[in-house]
Amino acid sequence: MSNKTSVKYMKIGLIGMLKNSLFKLIFLFFLSTETFSSEHVVKGVGMEWKPSVTFAKTGDRIKFIGMIGHDSESIENMLPSGAQNWKSKMGEEGFTVTLDKEGLYIYKCNPHVAVGMFGAIVVGEPTRIPNNFDKVTENLTKVRIGKNAVKKVLTKVERAVKSKLAHSPS
């Protein structure tokens, strides 16, 4: 085999290795973006959401299950600034929302507002009260039905954050 032929095969081998490495890098990039976000499940059980307070990170997805007889709708003025409102269809099993803003999100089940079916999602650092907590509390005056239930959810958020803070490593 001549030197020209050896060099030619070395170049072909090197190009193949580079293509393979590039493919692996692209694959790992897409894989890593998937691993940085998580999916959290909230289930409609009877006339309440379980869990009633969910902790998530920016970019995480919240999937609603057990939706027979339920819907899920964010409450206007009880979301982080710039966050998108959502509303599922009645009985929309697996309805998923991606949360892209840090803060507190309050949501409800429209058919069960009168019995207090509200929930909360805290996006961001779980050991501190969300940055829009006071704004959400101020907007309680705009809640017509279920105001006391929303107050209870806000109390649960405070308790859950304090509990996480107490159990976090110092």
C-alpha atoms as a PDB file:
ATOM      1  CA  MET A   1       0.000   0.000   0.000  1.00  0.00           C
ATOM      2  CA  SER A   2       1.390   3.389  -0.965  1.00  0.00           C
ATOM      3  CA  ASN A   3       1.705   6.380   1.312  1.00  0.00           C
ATOM      4  CA  LYS A   4      -0.980   8.239  -0.692  1.00  0.00           C
ATOM      5  CA  THR A   5      -3.430   5.413  -0.131  1.00  0.00           C
ATOM      6  CA  SER A   6      -2.631   5.283   3.617  1.00  0.00           C
ATOM      7  CA  VAL A   7      -3.165   9.034   3.972  1.00  0.00           C
ATOM      8  CA  LYS A   8      -6.437   8.765   2.035  1.00  0.00           C
ATOM      9  CA  TYR A   9      -7.767   6.029   4.372  1.00  0.00           C
ATOM     10  CA  MET A  10      -6.595   7.987   7.428  1.00  0.00           C
ATOM     11  CA  LYS A  11      -8.541  11.059   6.224  1.00  0.00           C
ATOM     12  CA  ILE A  12     -11.661   8.969   5.577  1.00  0.00           C
ATOM     13  CA  GLY A  13     -11.364   7.425   9.055  1.00  0.00           C
ATOM     14  CA  LEU A  14     -10.839  10.820  10.681  1.00  0.00           C
ATOM     15  CA  ILE A  15     -13.849  12.324   8.877  1.00  0.00           C
ATOM     16  CA  GLY A  16     -15.978   9.365   9.961  1.00  0.00           C
ATOM     17  CA  MET A  17     -14.882   9.793  13.579  1.00  0.00           C
ATOM     18  CA  LEU A  18     -15.668  13.526  13.469  1.00  0.00           C
ATOM     19  CA  LYS A  19     -19.126  12.888  12.014  1.00  0.00           C
ATOM     20  CA  ASN A  20     -19.785  10.249  14.667  1.00  0.00           C
ATOM     21  CA  SER A  21     -18.594  12.608  17.440  1.00  0.00           C
ATOM     22  CA  LEU A  22     -20.738  15.443  16.117  1.00  0.00           C
ATOM     23  CA  PHE A  23     -23.777  13.161  16.020  1.00  0.00           C
ATOM     24  CA  LYS A  24     -23.109  12.117  19.635  1.00  0.00           C
ATOM     25  CA  LEU A  25     -22.779  15.741  20.753  1.00  0.00           C
ATOM     26  CA  ILE A  26     -26.056  16.720  19.105  1.00  0.00           C
ATOM     27  CA  PHE A  27     -27.773  13.687  20.638  1.00  0.00           C
ATOM     28  CA  LEU A  28     -26.414  14.506  24.105  1.00  0.00           C
ATOM     29  CA  PHE A  29     -27.510  18.129  23.762  1.00  0.00           C
ATOM     30  CA  PHE A  30     -31.114  17.137  23.060  1.00  0.00           C
ATOM     31  CA  LEU A  31     -30.992  14.502  25.767  1.00  0.00           C
ATOM     32  CA  SER A  32     -29.647  16.979  28.323  1.00  0.00           C
ATOM     33  CA  THR A  33     -32.344  19.587  27.638  1.00  0.00           C
ATOM     34  CA  GLU A  34     -34.910  16.882  28.334  1.00  0.00           C
ATOM     35  CA  THR A  35     -33.254  15.945  31.640  1.00  0.00           C
ATOM     36  CA  PHE A  36     -33.163  19.530  32.895  1.00  0.00           C
ATOM     37  CA  SER A  37     -36.937  19.775  32.906  1.00  0.00           C
ATOM     38  CA  SER A  38     -39.240  17.448  34.778  1.00  0.00           C
ATOM     39  CA  GLU A  39     -42.849  16.433  34.610  1.00  0.00           C
ATOM     40  CA  HIS A  40     -44.939  16.685  37.767  1.00  0.00           C
ATOM     41  CA  VAL A  41     -48.320  15.005  38.078  1.00  0.00           C
ATOM     42  CA  VAL A  42     -51.342  16.598  39.731  1.00  0.00           C
ATOM     43  CA  LYS A  43     -54.350  14.342  40.139  1.00  0.00           C
ATOM     44  CA  GLY A  44     -57.989  15.233  40.560  1.00  0.00           C
ATOM     45  CA  VAL A  45     -59.174  13.041  43.431  1.00  0.00           C
ATOM     46  CA  GLY A  46     -62.767  13.516  44.495  1.00  0.00           C
ATOM     47  CA  MET A  47     -63.052  17.257  44.814  1.00  0.00           C
ATOM     48  CA  GLU A  48     -59.434  18.161  45.497  1.00  0.00           C
ATOM     49  CA  TRP A  49     -56.072  18.291  43.744  1.00  0.00           C
ATOM     50  CA  LYS A  50     -53.320  15.986  44.958  1.00  0.00           C
ATOM     51  CA  PRO A  51     -50.876  17.355  45.784  1.00  0.00           C
ATOM     52  CA  SER A  52     -52.520  20.679  46.619  1.00  0.00           C
ATOM     53  CA  VAL A  53     -49.094  22.390  46.444  1.00  0.00           C
ATOM     54  CA  THR A  54     -46.607  21.339  43.769  1.00  0.00           C
ATOM     55  CA  PHE A  55     -42.992  22.517  43.597  1.00  0.00           C
ATOM     56  CA  ALA A  56     -41.353  22.836  40.179  1.00  0.00           C
ATOM     57  CA  LYS A  57     -38.486  24.494  38.358  1.00  0.00           C
ATOM     58  CA  THR A  58     -38.691  26.872  35.417  1.00  0.00           C
ATOM     59  CA  GLY A  59     -39.393  24.852  32.270  1.00  0.00           C
ATOM     60  CA  ASP A  60     -41.011  21.955  34.130  1.00  0.00           C
ATOM     61  CA  ARG A  61     -44.284  20.482  32.951  1.00  0.00           C
ATOM     62  CA  ILE A  62     -47.367  19.904  35.065  1.00  0.00           C
ATOM     63  CA  LYS A  63     -49.572  17.047  33.876  1.00  0.00           C
ATOM     64  CA  PHE A  64     -53.153  16.830  35.133  1.00  0.00           C
ATOM     65  CA  ILE A  65     -54.672  13.353  35.459  1.00  0.00           C
ATOM     66  CA  GLY A  66     -57.849  11.950  36.993  1.00  0.00           C
ATOM     67  CA  MET A  67     -59.723  14.595  35.042  1.00  0.00           C
ATOM     68  CA  ILE A  68     -63.118  12.890  34.666  1.00  0.00           C
ATOM     69  CA  GLY A  69     -65.550  15.588  35.835  1.00  0.00           C
ATOM     70  CA  HIS A  70     -62.735  18.148  36.183  1.00  0.00           C
ATOM     71  CA  ASP A  71     -60.968  20.866  34.282  1.00  0.00           C
ATOM     72  CA  SER A  72     -57.920  22.924  35.216  1.00  0.00           C
ATOM     73  CA  GLU A  73     -57.714  26.670  34.782  1.00  0.00           C
ATOM     74  CA  SER A  74     -55.182  29.176  36.038  1.00  0.00           C
ATOM     75  CA  ILE A  75     -56.660  32.135  37.869  1.00  0.00           C
ATOM     76  CA  GLU A  76     -56.043  35.504  36.286  1.00  0.00           C
ATOM     77  CA  ASN A  77     -54.053  37.863  38.545  1.00  0.00           C
ATOM     78  CA  MET A  78     -52.761  34.868  40.516  1.00  0.00           C
ATOM     79  CA  LEU A  79     -49.821  34.027  38.273  1.00  0.00           C
ATOM     80  CA  PRO A  80     -46.311  35.415  37.909  1.00  0.00           C
ATOM     81  CA  SER A  81     -46.029  38.536  35.770  1.00  0.00           C
ATOM     82  CA  GLY A  82     -45.842  37.571  32.096  1.00  0.00           C
ATOM     83  CA  ALA A  83     -46.970  33.972  32.680  1.00  0.00           C
ATOM     84  CA  GLN A  84     -49.471  32.419  30.288  1.00  0.00           C
ATOM     85  CA  ASN A  85     -52.953  31.548  31.529  1.00  0.00           C
ATOM     86  CA  TRP A  86     -54.204  28.038  30.797  1.00  0.00           C
ATOM     87  CA  LYS A  87     -57.537  26.280  30.633  1.00  0.00           C
ATOM     88  CA  SER A  88     -58.059  22.612  29.907  1.00  0.00           C
ATOM     89  CA  LYS A  89     -61.197  21.112  28.488  1.00  0.00           C
ATOM     90  CA  MET A  90     -63.541  19.259  30.804  1.00  0.00           C
ATOM     91  CA  GLY A  91     -62.211  15.728  31.313  1.00  0.00           C
ATOM     92  CA  GLU A  92     -59.007  16.389  29.315  1.00  0.00           C
ATOM     93  CA  GLU A  93     -56.882  13.564  30.689  1.00  0.00           C
ATOM     94  CA  GLY A  94     -53.150  14.271  30.571  1.00  0.00           C
ATOM     95  CA  PHE A  95     -53.564  18.023  30.000  1.00  0.00           C
ATOM     96  CA  THR A  96     -50.067  19.456  30.376  1.00  0.00           C
ATOM     97  CA  VAL A  97     -48.810  22.979  30.936  1.00  0.00           C
ATOM     98  CA  THR A  98     -45.171  24.114  30.831  1.00  0.00           C
ATOM     99  CA  LEU A  99     -44.259  26.753  33.391  1.00  0.00           C
ATOM    100  CA  ASP A 100     -41.689  29.229  32.155  1.00  0.00           C
ATOM    101  CA  LYS A 101     -41.871  31.973  34.799  1.00  0.00           C
ATOM    102  CA  GLU A 102     -40.736  31.801  38.411  1.00  0.00           C
ATOM    103  CA  GLY A 103     -43.380  32.419  41.058  1.00  0.00           C
ATOM    104  CA  LEU A 104     -46.706  31.231  42.391  1.00  0.00           C
ATOM    105  CA  TYR A 105     -49.499  29.891  40.162  1.00  0.00           C
ATOM    106  CA  ILE A 106     -52.999  29.368  41.575  1.00  0.00           C
ATOM    107  CA  TYR A 107     -55.429  27.202  39.609  1.00  0.00           C
ATOM    108  CA  LYS A 108     -58.933  25.799  40.000  1.00  0.00           C
ATOM    109  CA  CYS A 109     -61.432  23.241  38.804  1.00  0.00           C
ATOM    110  CA  ASN A 110     -64.407  25.244  37.557  1.00  0.00           C
ATOM    111  CA  PRO A 111     -67.160  22.697  38.373  1.00  0.00           C
ATOM    112  CA  HIS A 112     -65.837  22.382  41.941  1.00  0.00           C
ATOM    113  CA  VAL A 113     -64.925  25.983  42.832  1.00  0.00           C
ATOM    114  CA  ALA A 114     -67.793  26.163  45.335  1.00  0.00           C
ATOM    115  CA  VAL A 115     -66.361  23.182  47.268  1.00  0.00           C
ATOM    116  CA  GLY A 116     -62.834  24.617  47.220  1.00  0.00           C
ATOM    117  CA  MET A 117     -61.000  22.695  44.489  1.00  0.00           C
ATOM    118  CA  PHE A 118     -57.974  24.990  44.137  1.00  0.00           C
ATOM    119  CA  GLY A 119     -54.292  24.187  43.864  1.00  0.00           C
ATOM    120  CA  ALA A 120     -50.942  25.955  43.837  1.00  0.00           C
ATOM    121  CA  ILE A 121     -47.696  25.522  41.959  1.00  0.00           C
ATOM    122  CA  VAL A 122     -44.496  27.130  43.221  1.00  0.00           C
ATOM    123  CA  VAL A 123     -41.918  27.555  40.470  1.00  0.00           C
ATOM    124  CA  GLY A 124     -38.413  28.399  41.614  1.00  0.00           C
ATOM    125  CA  GLU A 125     -36.545  27.988  44.864  1.00  0.00           C
ATOM    126  CA  PRO A 126     -38.711  25.779  47.121  1.00  0.00           C
ATOM    127  CA  THR A 127     -37.233  27.205  50.340  1.00  0.00           C
ATOM    128  CA  ARG A 128     -38.458  30.771  49.871  1.00  0.00           C
ATOM    129  CA  ILE A 129     -41.866  32.359  49.523  1.00  0.00           C
ATOM    130  CA  PRO A 130     -42.552  33.026  45.808  1.00  0.00           C
ATOM    131  CA  ASN A 131     -41.805  36.558  44.610  1.00  0.00           C
ATOM    132  CA  ASN A 132     -45.453  37.199  43.631  1.00  0.00           C
ATOM    133  CA  PHE A 133     -46.990  35.794  46.844  1.00  0.00           C
ATOM    134  CA  ASP A 134     -48.009  39.236  48.160  1.00  0.00           C
ATOM    135  CA  LYS A 135     -49.552  40.195  44.789  1.00  0.00           C
ATOM    136  CA  VAL A 136     -51.564  36.975  44.740  1.00  0.00           C
ATOM    137  CA  THR A 137     -52.719  37.618  48.313  1.00  0.00           C
ATOM    138  CA  GLU A 138     -53.781  41.174  47.389  1.00  0.00           C
ATOM    139  CA  ASN A 139     -55.789  39.793  44.459  1.00  0.00           C
ATOM    140  CA  LEU A 140     -57.900  37.632  46.788  1.00  0.00           C
ATOM    141  CA  THR A 141     -60.429  40.468  46.734  1.00  0.00           C
ATOM    142  CA  LYS A 142     -61.086  39.629  43.056  1.00  0.00           C
ATOM    143  CA  VAL A 143     -62.020  36.007  43.820  1.00  0.00           C
ATOM    144  CA  ARG A 144     -65.822  35.787  43.886  1.00  0.00           C
ATOM    145  CA  ILE A 145     -66.418  32.139  44.766  1.00  0.00           C
ATOM    146  CA  GLY A 146     -63.975  30.147  46.852  1.00  0.00           C
ATOM    147  CA  LYS A 147     -62.043  32.993  48.458  1.00  0.00           C
ATOM    148  CA  ASN A 148     -61.613  31.066  51.737  1.00  0.00           C
ATOM    149  CA  ALA A 149     -60.383  27.998  49.833  1.00  0.00           C
ATOM    150  CA  VAL A 150     -57.750  30.108  48.054  1.00  0.00           C
ATOM    151  CA  LYS A 151     -56.688  31.508  51.458  1.00  0.00           C
ATOM    152  CA  LYS A 152     -56.254  27.919  52.668  1.00  0.00           C
ATOM    153  CA  VAL A 153     -54.125  27.084  49.620  1.00  0.00           C
ATOM    154  CA  LEU A 154     -51.941  30.140  50.296  1.00  0.00           C
ATOM    155  CA  THR A 155     -51.523  29.004  53.912  1.00  0.00           C
ATOM    156  CA  LYS A 156     -50.518  25.550  52.622  1.00  0.00           C
ATOM    157  CA  VAL A 157     -47.930  27.191  50.341  1.00  0.00           C
ATOM    158  CA  GLU A 158     -46.427  29.066  53.314  1.00  0.00           C
ATOM    159  CA  ARG A 159     -46.344  25.889  55.437  1.00  0.00           C
ATOM    160  CA  ALA A 160     -44.836  23.805  52.631  1.00  0.00           C
ATOM    161  CA  VAL A 161     -42.081  26.363  51.986  1.00  0.00           C
ATOM    162  CA  LYS A 162     -41.288  26.582  55.727  1.00  0.00           C
ATOM    163  CA  SER A 163     -41.182  22.793  55.930  1.00  0.00           C
ATOM    164  CA  LYS A 164     -38.785  22.568  52.966  1.00  0.00           C
ATOM    165  CA  LEU A 165     -36.632  25.299  54.523  1.00  0.00           C
ATOM    166  CA  ALA A 166     -36.517  23.438  57.836  1.00  0.00           C
ATOM    167  CA  HIS A 167     -35.445  20.220  56.089  1.00  0.00           C
ATOM    168  CA  SER A 168     -32.917  21.758  53.710  1.00  0.00           C
ATOM    169  CA  PRO A 169     -29.205  21.289  54.380  1.00  0.00           C
ATOM    170  CA  SER A 170     -27.657  24.430  55.872  1.00  0.00           C
END
